[in-house]
Amino acid sequence: MPVVTVRAGSKQRSGELDTLVRKATEKASDLLEQSDRVLVVYGKGSASIYYEGDGAPPGPVATARPS
């Protein structure tokens, strides 16, 4: 089963969990367009997203940056 790892990437601890959840949700939503099932497993500072697929790597996560 292919897996994608998403990291919070924030240096600020207070917003790290929110950033991680947002990124994991975006990536899981993208993967659900290609797969029937997606499993998100949260760890410390990262989330592993397992999905059913052909093994082709999914596209990059698009993140909005504040202006």
C-alpha atoms as a PDB file:
ATOM      1  CA  MET A   1       0.000   0.000   0.000  1.00  0.00           C
ATOM      2  CA  PRO A   2       1.550   3.329  -1.027  1.00  0.00           C
ATOM      3  CA  VAL A   3       2.112   5.972   1.632  1.00  0.00           C
ATOM      4  CA  VAL A   4       2.594   9.750   1.619  1.00  0.00           C
ATOM      5  CA  THR A   5       4.116  11.593   4.588  1.00  0.00           C
ATOM      6  CA  VAL A   6       3.015  15.129   5.395  1.00  0.00           C
ATOM      7  CA  ARG A   7       4.957  17.281   7.858  1.00  0.00           C
ATOM      8  CA  ALA A   8       3.756  20.367   9.678  1.00  0.00           C
ATOM      9  CA  GLY A   9       6.831  22.360   8.678  1.00  0.00           C
ATOM     10  CA  SER A  10       5.950  25.170  11.053  1.00  0.00           C
ATOM     11  CA  LYS A  11       8.535  26.530  13.449  1.00  0.00           C
ATOM     12  CA  GLN A  12       5.778  27.866  15.708  1.00  0.00           C
ATOM     13  CA  ARG A  13       4.544  25.187  18.088  1.00  0.00           C
ATOM     14  CA  SER A  14       1.124  26.773  18.644  1.00  0.00           C
ATOM     15  CA  GLY A  15       0.054  26.452  15.007  1.00  0.00           C
ATOM     16  CA  GLU A  16       1.879  23.213  14.214  1.00  0.00           C
ATOM     17  CA  LEU A  17      -1.080  20.888  14.860  1.00  0.00           C
ATOM     18  CA  ASP A  18      -3.498  23.079  12.893  1.00  0.00           C
ATOM     19  CA  THR A  19      -1.053  23.242   9.977  1.00  0.00           C
ATOM     20  CA  LEU A  20      -0.522  19.482  10.035  1.00  0.00           C
ATOM     21  CA  VAL A  21      -4.252  18.726  10.104  1.00  0.00           C
ATOM     22  CA  ARG A  22      -4.914  21.172   7.264  1.00  0.00           C
ATOM     23  CA  LYS A  23      -2.145  19.743   5.065  1.00  0.00           C
ATOM     24  CA  ALA A  24      -3.176  16.144   5.789  1.00  0.00           C
ATOM     25  CA  THR A  25      -6.825  16.936   5.022  1.00  0.00           C
ATOM     26  CA  GLU A  26      -5.905  18.588   1.717  1.00  0.00           C
ATOM     27  CA  LYS A  27      -3.691  15.685   0.690  1.00  0.00           C
ATOM     28  CA  ALA A  28      -6.239  13.054   1.757  1.00  0.00           C
ATOM     29  CA  SER A  29      -8.930  14.862  -0.248  1.00  0.00           C
ATOM     30  CA  ASP A  30      -6.681  14.848  -3.324  1.00  0.00           C
ATOM     31  CA  LEU A  31      -5.956  11.147  -2.863  1.00  0.00           C
ATOM     32  CA  LEU A  32      -9.649  10.309  -2.480  1.00  0.00           C
ATOM     33  CA  GLU A  33     -10.171  11.531  -6.042  1.00  0.00           C
ATOM     34  CA  GLN A  34      -7.821   8.748  -7.203  1.00  0.00           C
ATOM     35  CA  SER A  35      -8.439   6.053  -4.554  1.00  0.00           C
ATOM     36  CA  ASP A  36     -11.351   4.305  -2.891  1.00  0.00           C
ATOM     37  CA  ARG A  37      -9.801   4.280   0.566  1.00  0.00           C
ATOM     38  CA  VAL A  38      -7.436   6.568   2.457  1.00  0.00           C
ATOM     39  CA  LEU A  39      -6.100   6.136   6.003  1.00  0.00           C
ATOM     40  CA  VAL A  40      -4.463   9.037   7.867  1.00  0.00           C
ATOM     41  CA  VAL A  41      -2.206   8.161  10.822  1.00  0.00           C
ATOM     42  CA  TYR A  42      -1.005  11.146  12.853  1.00  0.00           C
ATOM     43  CA  GLY A  43       2.351  11.088  14.608  1.00  0.00           C
ATOM     44  CA  LYS A  44       4.421  13.719  16.341  1.00  0.00           C
ATOM     45  CA  GLY A  45       4.900  16.526  13.807  1.00  0.00           C
ATOM     46  CA  SER A  46       3.834  14.434  10.807  1.00  0.00           C
ATOM     47  CA  ALA A  47       1.019  12.379   9.334  1.00  0.00           C
ATOM     48  CA  SER A  48       1.297   9.252   7.191  1.00  0.00           C
ATOM     49  CA  ILE A  49      -1.410   8.877   4.573  1.00  0.00           C
ATOM     50  CA  TYR A  50      -1.906   5.343   3.274  1.00  0.00           C
ATOM     51  CA  TYR A  51      -4.012   4.866   0.155  1.00  0.00           C
ATOM     52  CA  GLU A  52      -4.984   2.220  -2.342  1.00  0.00           C
ATOM     53  CA  GLY A  53      -3.544   2.955  -5.721  1.00  0.00           C
ATOM     54  CA  ASP A  54      -1.317   1.860  -8.542  1.00  0.00           C
ATOM     55  CA  GLY A  55       1.840   2.967  -6.728  1.00  0.00           C
ATOM     56  CA  ALA A  56       2.242   6.133  -8.812  1.00  0.00           C
ATOM     57  CA  PRO A  57       3.277   9.007  -6.556  1.00  0.00           C
ATOM     58  CA  PRO A  58       0.546  11.598  -6.024  1.00  0.00           C
ATOM     59  CA  GLY A  59       1.035  15.228  -6.991  1.00  0.00           C
ATOM     60  CA  PRO A  60       2.460  17.812  -4.570  1.00  0.00           C
ATOM     61  CA  VAL A  61       0.296  19.460  -1.929  1.00  0.00           C
ATOM     62  CA  ALA A  62      -0.656  23.005  -2.901  1.00  0.00           C
ATOM     63  CA  THR A  63      -0.388  25.320   0.089  1.00  0.00           C
ATOM     64  CA  ALA A  64      -1.602  28.879   0.312  1.00  0.00           C
ATOM     65  CA  ARG A  65       0.962  31.340   1.581  1.00  0.00           C
ATOM     66  CA  PRO A  66      -0.142  34.548   3.298  1.00  0.00           C
ATOM     67  CA  SER A  67       0.612  37.702   1.319  1.00  0.00           C
END
